[in-house]
């Protein structure tokens, strides 16, 4: 069953990822009528929201764009940083959406940030328990039921993290699309491209959340499915 889950969601993730790359490539071929680069879009959106303590940087990689709340930086891949098209505009504005969430103490982002160390610790605990069980048949000396509670608990926290990520990502896209439209950064056709690109980006998080839920359900069944 776990192999089936991995294969199904692995294939689904691969399809969605390829679709996202295809959309980004397609929408990158049409020059933005406003002729603004991703860097310029990001700086303008931050300024419009009175955010002066966030810098916009260029980082290596493809679709490696992200906002780092630790050092307050919007990090854009070269294609986005220098790009003057609907795809670059959408991604740059989306990452600025996260910066605005941070500046306004958006509750879901606050919750997600608070969960990061807990989620990381849960991942380490889960790896230790699973590796120990594979190598020595639960030689770590804990009863099977306790092992089950640890595994389900740790994976439950990791699953919750993927679920909390969803409103954070959808809200950042909502903010981005509303701003580029109200600011007349994009034309009607460019707006449709931006919206479609962000939709497929969001789908990667949806697939990750569904995969995590399916795996959690599997662990619950394995450890507690036969209990009276």
Protein backbone atom coordinates (compact mmCIF):
# COMPACT_ATOMS: atom_id res chain seq x y z
CA UNK A 1 0.00 0.00 0.00
CA UNK A 2 2.75 2.46 0.89
CA UNK A 3 4.43 1.69 -2.45
CA UNK A 4 1.15 2.39 -4.22
CA UNK A 5 0.79 5.72 -2.40
CA UNK A 6 4.35 6.71 -3.29
CA UNK A 7 3.89 5.74 -6.95
CA UNK A 8 0.48 7.38 -7.40
CA UNK A 9 1.41 10.69 -5.80
CA UNK A 10 4.91 10.57 -7.27
CA UNK A 11 3.41 10.37 -10.76
CA UNK A 12 0.81 13.02 -9.92
CA UNK A 13 3.49 15.32 -8.54
CA UNK A 14 5.62 14.77 -11.64
CA UNK A 15 2.69 15.64 -13.92
CA UNK A 16 1.81 18.79 -11.98
CA UNK A 17 5.45 19.90 -11.82
CA UNK A 18 5.89 19.42 -15.56
CA UNK A 19 2.65 21.26 -16.19
CA UNK A 20 3.85 24.16 -14.07
CA UNK A 21 7.16 24.34 -15.94
CA UNK A 22 5.32 24.16 -19.26
CA UNK A 23 2.98 27.00 -18.27
CA UNK A 24 5.83 29.13 -17.01
CA UNK A 25 7.78 28.59 -20.23
CA UNK A 26 4.73 29.40 -22.34
CA UNK A 27 3.84 32.58 -20.47
CA UNK A 28 7.48 33.67 -20.42
CA UNK A 29 7.49 34.00 -24.20
CA UNK A 30 5.01 36.90 -24.26
CA UNK A 31 6.58 40.26 -23.29
CA UNK A 32 4.75 42.20 -20.59
CA UNK A 33 3.11 45.29 -22.03
CA UNK A 34 4.14 47.31 -18.96
CA UNK A 35 7.75 46.23 -19.63
CA UNK A 36 8.56 45.69 -15.95
CA UNK A 37 11.00 43.04 -14.76
CA UNK A 38 10.17 40.71 -11.90
CA UNK A 39 12.57 42.70 -9.70
CA UNK A 40 10.81 45.95 -10.57
CA UNK A 41 7.38 44.42 -9.96
CA UNK A 42 8.48 43.14 -6.55
CA UNK A 43 9.99 46.46 -5.50
CA UNK A 44 6.90 48.36 -6.65
CA UNK A 45 4.50 46.02 -4.81
CA UNK A 46 6.55 46.28 -1.61
CA UNK A 47 6.62 50.07 -1.87
CA UNK A 48 2.86 50.24 -2.47
CA UNK A 49 2.37 48.29 0.77
CA UNK A 50 4.77 50.54 2.72
CA UNK A 51 7.32 47.75 3.22
CA UNK A 52 10.83 49.20 3.21
CA UNK A 53 12.75 46.59 5.21
CA UNK A 54 12.54 43.78 2.64
CA UNK A 55 15.17 43.42 -0.10
CA UNK A 56 14.72 41.73 -3.49
CA UNK A 57 17.53 39.35 -4.44
CA UNK A 58 18.40 37.09 -7.36
CA UNK A 59 19.15 33.45 -6.47
CA UNK A 60 20.31 30.53 -8.57
CA UNK A 61 17.96 27.83 -9.81
CA UNK A 62 14.76 27.39 -11.76
CA UNK A 63 11.51 28.16 -9.93
CA UNK A 64 13.59 28.55 -6.75
CA UNK A 65 11.65 31.67 -5.81
CA UNK A 66 10.78 32.13 -2.13
CA UNK A 67 10.35 34.64 0.65
CA UNK A 68 12.65 34.26 3.65
CA UNK A 69 11.06 35.72 6.81
CA UNK A 70 14.25 35.20 8.81
CA UNK A 71 16.21 37.87 6.91
CA UNK A 72 13.23 39.55 5.21
CA UNK A 73 14.25 38.89 1.62
CA UNK A 74 12.27 38.17 -1.53
CA UNK A 75 14.45 35.75 -3.47
CA UNK A 76 13.75 35.40 -7.19
CA UNK A 77 15.24 32.99 -9.71
CA UNK A 78 17.03 34.60 -12.71
CA UNK A 79 14.08 33.89 -15.03
CA UNK A 80 11.78 35.79 -12.67
CA UNK A 81 14.21 38.48 -11.50
CA UNK A 82 15.06 39.60 -15.04
CA UNK A 83 11.92 38.36 -16.80
CA UNK A 84 9.51 40.90 -18.30
CA UNK A 85 6.45 38.71 -18.82
CA UNK A 86 3.25 37.55 -17.15
CA UNK A 87 4.87 34.49 -15.53
CA UNK A 88 7.69 36.47 -13.93
CA UNK A 89 5.22 39.11 -12.77
CA UNK A 90 2.96 36.51 -11.15
CA UNK A 91 5.77 34.79 -9.26
CA UNK A 92 7.41 38.02 -8.11
CA UNK A 93 4.08 39.39 -6.87
CA UNK A 94 3.27 36.08 -5.15
CA UNK A 95 6.50 36.13 -3.17
CA UNK A 96 5.81 39.74 -2.19
CA UNK A 97 2.43 38.49 -1.03
CA UNK A 98 4.30 36.46 1.58
CA UNK A 99 6.27 39.55 2.62
CA UNK A 100 2.98 41.40 3.12
CA UNK A 101 1.63 38.47 5.15
CA UNK A 102 4.70 38.72 7.35
CA UNK A 103 4.40 42.49 7.75
CA UNK A 104 0.73 42.25 8.68
CA UNK A 105 1.12 39.21 10.97
CA UNK A 106 -1.16 37.05 8.83
CA UNK A 107 -2.39 34.34 11.21
CA UNK A 108 -1.83 31.33 8.95
CA UNK A 109 1.74 32.41 8.19
CA UNK A 110 2.38 32.98 11.89
CA UNK A 111 1.11 29.48 12.63
CA UNK A 112 3.20 27.97 9.84
CA UNK A 113 6.36 29.74 11.03
CA UNK A 114 5.75 28.56 14.60
CA UNK A 115 5.37 25.00 13.36
CA UNK A 116 8.67 24.90 11.44
CA UNK A 117 10.91 23.71 14.34
CA UNK A 118 8.22 21.26 15.52
CA UNK A 119 7.81 19.92 11.99
CA UNK A 120 11.59 19.51 11.60
CA UNK A 121 11.86 17.67 14.92
CA UNK A 122 8.94 15.40 13.97
CA UNK A 123 10.66 14.50 10.72
CA UNK A 124 13.86 13.53 12.54
CA UNK A 125 11.96 11.45 15.11
CA UNK A 126 10.01 9.69 12.38
CA UNK A 127 13.17 8.83 10.46
CA UNK A 128 14.87 7.43 13.56
CA UNK A 129 11.89 5.25 14.48
CA UNK A 130 11.31 3.95 10.96
CA UNK A 131 14.99 3.17 10.33
CA UNK A 132 15.27 1.44 13.71
CA UNK A 133 12.17 -0.64 13.00
CA UNK A 134 13.47 -1.69 9.58
CA UNK A 135 16.90 -2.65 10.88
CA UNK A 136 15.95 -4.40 14.06
CA UNK A 137 12.25 -5.09 14.30
CA UNK A 138 11.58 -2.37 16.86
CA UNK A 139 14.74 -3.19 18.78
CA UNK A 140 14.56 0.24 20.36
CA UNK A 141 12.64 -1.44 23.18
CA UNK A 142 9.26 0.28 22.98
CA UNK A 143 5.93 -1.56 22.73
CA UNK A 144 4.38 -1.77 19.27
CA UNK A 145 1.51 0.49 20.32
CA UNK A 146 3.86 3.21 21.58
CA UNK A 147 5.77 3.02 18.31
CA UNK A 148 2.46 3.53 16.54
CA UNK A 149 1.61 6.61 18.59
CA UNK A 150 5.05 8.09 17.87
CA UNK A 151 4.87 7.44 14.13
CA UNK A 152 1.28 8.63 13.74
CA UNK A 153 1.89 11.63 15.98
CA UNK A 154 5.04 12.70 14.15
CA UNK A 155 3.53 12.22 10.72
CA UNK A 156 0.34 13.92 11.89
CA UNK A 157 2.34 17.06 12.70
CA UNK A 158 4.05 16.91 9.31
CA UNK A 159 0.68 16.51 7.60
CA UNK A 160 -0.77 19.43 9.55
CA UNK A 161 2.17 21.53 8.34
CA UNK A 162 1.33 20.77 4.69
CA UNK A 163 -2.32 21.66 5.33
CA UNK A 164 -1.47 24.96 7.05
CA UNK A 165 0.76 25.79 4.07
CA UNK A 166 -2.25 25.75 1.72
CA UNK A 167 -4.04 28.90 2.96
CA UNK A 168 -0.68 30.67 3.16
CA UNK A 169 0.04 29.96 -0.52
CA UNK A 170 -3.49 30.64 -1.77
CA UNK A 171 -3.64 33.93 0.12
CA UNK A 172 -0.29 35.08 -1.29
CA UNK A 173 -1.58 34.39 -4.81
CA UNK A 174 -4.82 36.22 -4.06
CA UNK A 175 -2.89 39.27 -2.89
CA UNK A 176 -0.60 39.10 -5.92
CA UNK A 177 -3.42 38.90 -8.47
CA UNK A 178 -5.44 41.64 -6.81
CA UNK A 179 -2.47 44.00 -6.80
CA UNK A 180 -1.28 43.43 -10.39
CA UNK A 181 -4.87 43.94 -11.55
CA UNK A 182 -5.61 47.06 -9.50
CA UNK A 183 -2.20 48.59 -10.33
CA UNK A 184 -2.72 47.91 -14.06
CA UNK A 185 0.57 46.00 -14.20
CA UNK A 186 -1.02 43.47 -16.57
CA UNK A 187 -3.55 43.55 -19.38
CA UNK A 188 -6.62 41.32 -19.30
CA UNK A 189 -4.86 38.54 -21.25
CA UNK A 190 -1.71 38.87 -19.13
CA UNK A 191 -3.84 38.67 -15.98
CA UNK A 192 -5.29 35.37 -17.22
CA UNK A 193 -1.75 34.05 -17.80
CA UNK A 194 -0.62 35.15 -14.34
CA UNK A 195 -3.64 33.55 -12.69
CA UNK A 196 -3.13 30.27 -14.55
CA UNK A 197 0.58 30.14 -13.66
CA UNK A 198 -0.17 30.67 -9.96
CA UNK A 199 -2.93 28.06 -10.08
CA UNK A 200 -0.49 25.38 -11.19
CA UNK A 201 2.06 26.52 -8.64
CA UNK A 202 -0.61 26.09 -5.94
CA UNK A 203 -1.42 22.61 -7.23
CA UNK A 204 2.06 21.40 -6.22
CA UNK A 205 1.18 22.19 -2.60
CA UNK A 206 -2.22 20.54 -2.94
CA UNK A 207 -0.62 17.32 -4.21
CA UNK A 208 1.90 17.37 -1.36
CA UNK A 209 -0.90 17.78 1.19
CA UNK A 210 -2.97 14.96 -0.31
CA UNK A 211 0.07 12.67 -0.40
CA UNK A 212 0.78 13.42 3.24
CA UNK A 213 -2.85 12.75 4.22
CA UNK A 214 -2.83 9.43 2.36
CA UNK A 215 0.40 8.36 4.05
CA UNK A 216 -0.94 9.36 7.47
CA UNK A 217 -4.08 7.32 6.86
CA UNK A 218 -1.88 4.35 5.91
CA UNK A 219 0.12 4.58 9.15
CA UNK A 220 -3.06 4.86 11.21
CA UNK A 221 -4.44 1.74 9.53
CA UNK A 222 -1.20 -0.21 9.96
CA UNK A 223 -0.82 0.51 13.66
CA UNK A 224 -4.42 0.82 14.80
CA UNK A 225 -6.60 -0.66 12.05
CA UNK A 226 -7.02 -4.03 13.79
CA UNK A 227 -7.85 -2.69 17.23
CA UNK A 228 -11.27 -3.45 18.69
